[in-house]
Amino acid sequence: MNDAARLHKRTLTVGIALGVLGLLVLLVGDYLLLQYGAVSFQASNGFFFFLTRLSAIGSVALLPFSAALVSAALVMKYWDKRLQALGAPDEDDDAGPDLH
């Protein structure tokens, strides 16, 4: 398996993992905020302040970044298949396409 195939598979895996994490934070975040959240910036414990910030970041940053990674992986896979169909040489292949 070449590096391009591994790259788009890894990108897709990371994108899906971030999406699941973002969805989990979005679904469970309200419950955790009601139980343990820091209401003010003068939180008595750093963990509760961190938990509050993490739940705010979950819906704002994780889900759009996940969507960007998944779409980038799909575009990379499409262009990898398209270039293979056109007969472009692999990166491991020393010889170019046969022109005769």
C-alpha atoms as a PDB file:
ATOM      1  CA  MET A   1       0.000   0.000   0.000  1.00  0.00           C
ATOM      2  CA  ASN A   2       1.504   3.341  -1.010  1.00  0.00           C
ATOM      3  CA  ASP A   3       1.767   6.441   1.151  1.00  0.00           C
ATOM      4  CA  ALA A   4      -1.142   8.214  -0.570  1.00  0.00           C
ATOM      5  CA  ALA A   5      -3.550   5.402   0.270  1.00  0.00           C
ATOM      6  CA  ARG A   6      -2.385   5.382   3.864  1.00  0.00           C
ATOM      7  CA  LEU A   7      -2.669   9.155   4.074  1.00  0.00           C
ATOM      8  CA  HIS A   8      -6.306   9.347   3.009  1.00  0.00           C
ATOM      9  CA  LYS A   9      -7.217   6.374   5.216  1.00  0.00           C
ATOM     10  CA  ARG A  10      -5.514   8.009   8.182  1.00  0.00           C
ATOM     11  CA  THR A  11      -7.177  11.346   7.419  1.00  0.00           C
ATOM     12  CA  LEU A  12     -10.573   9.664   7.184  1.00  0.00           C
ATOM     13  CA  THR A  13     -10.002   7.800  10.462  1.00  0.00           C
ATOM     14  CA  VAL A  14      -8.966  10.950  12.312  1.00  0.00           C
ATOM     15  CA  GLY A  15     -11.905  12.866  10.842  1.00  0.00           C
ATOM     16  CA  ILE A  16     -14.384  10.214  11.954  1.00  0.00           C
ATOM     17  CA  ALA A  17     -12.800  10.033  15.411  1.00  0.00           C
ATOM     18  CA  LEU A  18     -13.034  13.810  15.826  1.00  0.00           C
ATOM     19  CA  GLY A  19     -16.644  13.696  14.669  1.00  0.00           C
ATOM     20  CA  VAL A  20     -17.519  11.012  17.210  1.00  0.00           C
ATOM     21  CA  LEU A  21     -15.716  12.944  19.943  1.00  0.00           C
ATOM     22  CA  GLY A  22     -17.475  16.165  18.958  1.00  0.00           C
ATOM     23  CA  LEU A  23     -20.853  14.446  18.915  1.00  0.00           C
ATOM     24  CA  LEU A  24     -20.153  12.858  22.292  1.00  0.00           C
ATOM     25  CA  VAL A  25     -19.150  16.206  23.781  1.00  0.00           C
ATOM     26  CA  LEU A  26     -22.236  17.800  22.259  1.00  0.00           C
ATOM     27  CA  LEU A  27     -24.595  15.149  23.639  1.00  0.00           C
ATOM     28  CA  VAL A  28     -23.056  14.684  27.089  1.00  0.00           C
ATOM     29  CA  GLY A  29     -21.745  18.229  27.537  1.00  0.00           C
ATOM     30  CA  ASP A  30     -24.973  19.709  28.876  1.00  0.00           C
ATOM     31  CA  TYR A  31     -25.299  17.035  31.540  1.00  0.00           C
ATOM     32  CA  LEU A  32     -21.686  17.444  32.593  1.00  0.00           C
ATOM     33  CA  LEU A  33     -22.025  21.233  32.702  1.00  0.00           C
ATOM     34  CA  LEU A  34     -25.082  21.025  34.912  1.00  0.00           C
ATOM     35  CA  GLN A  35     -23.303  18.679  37.303  1.00  0.00           C
ATOM     36  CA  TYR A  36     -19.692  19.863  37.220  1.00  0.00           C
ATOM     37  CA  GLY A  37     -19.431  22.974  35.068  1.00  0.00           C
ATOM     38  CA  ALA A  38     -17.730  26.186  36.088  1.00  0.00           C
ATOM     39  CA  VAL A  39     -20.158  29.069  35.820  1.00  0.00           C
ATOM     40  CA  SER A  40     -17.595  31.839  36.212  1.00  0.00           C
ATOM     41  CA  PHE A  41     -14.017  32.303  35.118  1.00  0.00           C
ATOM     42  CA  GLN A  42     -12.947  32.100  38.767  1.00  0.00           C
ATOM     43  CA  ALA A  43     -13.493  28.371  38.974  1.00  0.00           C
ATOM     44  CA  SER A  44     -12.417  26.737  42.191  1.00  0.00           C
ATOM     45  CA  ASN A  45     -10.887  23.812  40.346  1.00  0.00           C
ATOM     46  CA  GLY A  46      -8.995  23.855  37.056  1.00  0.00           C
ATOM     47  CA  PHE A  47     -10.587  20.593  35.932  1.00  0.00           C
ATOM     48  CA  PHE A  48     -14.111  22.034  36.009  1.00  0.00           C
ATOM     49  CA  PHE A  49     -12.988  25.108  34.088  1.00  0.00           C
ATOM     50  CA  PHE A  50     -11.312  22.839  31.514  1.00  0.00           C
ATOM     51  CA  LEU A  51     -14.475  20.735  31.261  1.00  0.00           C
ATOM     52  CA  THR A  52     -16.545  23.841  30.610  1.00  0.00           C
ATOM     53  CA  ARG A  53     -14.187  25.049  27.873  1.00  0.00           C
ATOM     54  CA  LEU A  54     -14.051  21.577  26.303  1.00  0.00           C
ATOM     55  CA  SER A  55     -17.824  21.406  26.020  1.00  0.00           C
ATOM     56  CA  ALA A  56     -17.865  24.841  24.382  1.00  0.00           C
ATOM     57  CA  ILE A  57     -15.189  23.801  21.889  1.00  0.00           C
ATOM     58  CA  GLY A  58     -16.983  20.542  21.073  1.00  0.00           C
ATOM     59  CA  SER A  59     -19.728  22.050  19.016  1.00  0.00           C
ATOM     60  CA  VAL A  60     -17.755  24.974  17.633  1.00  0.00           C
ATOM     61  CA  ALA A  61     -14.488  23.380  16.547  1.00  0.00           C
ATOM     62  CA  LEU A  62     -14.568  19.590  16.552  1.00  0.00           C
ATOM     63  CA  LEU A  63     -17.515  18.993  14.241  1.00  0.00           C
ATOM     64  CA  PRO A  64     -16.533  21.419  11.437  1.00  0.00           C
ATOM     65  CA  PHE A  65     -12.896  20.276  11.588  1.00  0.00           C
ATOM     66  CA  SER A  66     -14.077  16.674  11.424  1.00  0.00           C
ATOM     67  CA  ALA A  67     -16.180  17.445   8.363  1.00  0.00           C
ATOM     68  CA  ALA A  68     -13.187  19.142   6.717  1.00  0.00           C
ATOM     69  CA  LEU A  69     -10.944  16.132   7.352  1.00  0.00           C
ATOM     70  CA  VAL A  70     -13.503  13.631   6.064  1.00  0.00           C
ATOM     71  CA  SER A  71     -14.122  15.666   2.917  1.00  0.00           C
ATOM     72  CA  ALA A  72     -10.369  16.072   2.354  1.00  0.00           C
ATOM     73  CA  ALA A  73      -9.928  12.306   2.668  1.00  0.00           C
ATOM     74  CA  LEU A  74     -12.672  11.692   0.128  1.00  0.00           C
ATOM     75  CA  VAL A  75     -11.109  14.171  -2.308  1.00  0.00           C
ATOM     76  CA  MET A  76      -7.685  12.543  -1.863  1.00  0.00           C
ATOM     77  CA  LYS A  77      -9.170   9.107  -2.505  1.00  0.00           C
ATOM     78  CA  TYR A  78     -11.000  10.367  -5.603  1.00  0.00           C
ATOM     79  CA  TRP A  79      -7.874  11.919  -7.101  1.00  0.00           C
ATOM     80  CA  ASP A  80      -5.777   8.877  -6.234  1.00  0.00           C
ATOM     81  CA  LYS A  81      -8.224   6.622  -8.096  1.00  0.00           C
ATOM     82  CA  ARG A  82      -8.489   9.090 -10.977  1.00  0.00           C
ATOM     83  CA  LEU A  83      -4.715   9.301 -11.419  1.00  0.00           C
ATOM     84  CA  GLN A  84      -4.405   5.520 -11.284  1.00  0.00           C
ATOM     85  CA  ALA A  85      -7.056   5.218 -13.993  1.00  0.00           C
ATOM     86  CA  LEU A  86      -5.162   7.672 -16.199  1.00  0.00           C
ATOM     87  CA  GLY A  87      -2.038   5.554 -15.892  1.00  0.00           C
ATOM     88  CA  ALA A  88       0.055   7.910 -13.816  1.00  0.00           C
ATOM     89  CA  PRO A  89       3.037   6.172 -12.258  1.00  0.00           C
ATOM     90  CA  ASP A  90       3.064   5.357  -8.578  1.00  0.00           C
ATOM     91  CA  GLU A  91       5.548   7.147  -6.362  1.00  0.00           C
ATOM     92  CA  ASP A  92       7.415   3.862  -5.890  1.00  0.00           C
ATOM     93  CA  ASP A  93       7.616   3.251  -9.643  1.00  0.00           C
ATOM     94  CA  ASP A  94      10.843   4.550 -11.234  1.00  0.00           C
ATOM     95  CA  ALA A  95       9.655   4.325 -14.838  1.00  0.00           C
ATOM     96  CA  GLY A  96       7.097   6.712 -16.244  1.00  0.00           C
ATOM     97  CA  PRO A  97       4.026   5.718 -18.247  1.00  0.00           C
ATOM     98  CA  ASP A  98       4.615   3.777 -21.421  1.00  0.00           C
ATOM     99  CA  LEU A  99       4.198   6.231 -24.298  1.00  0.00           C
ATOM    100  CA  HIS A 100       4.664   3.749 -27.188  1.00  0.00           C
END
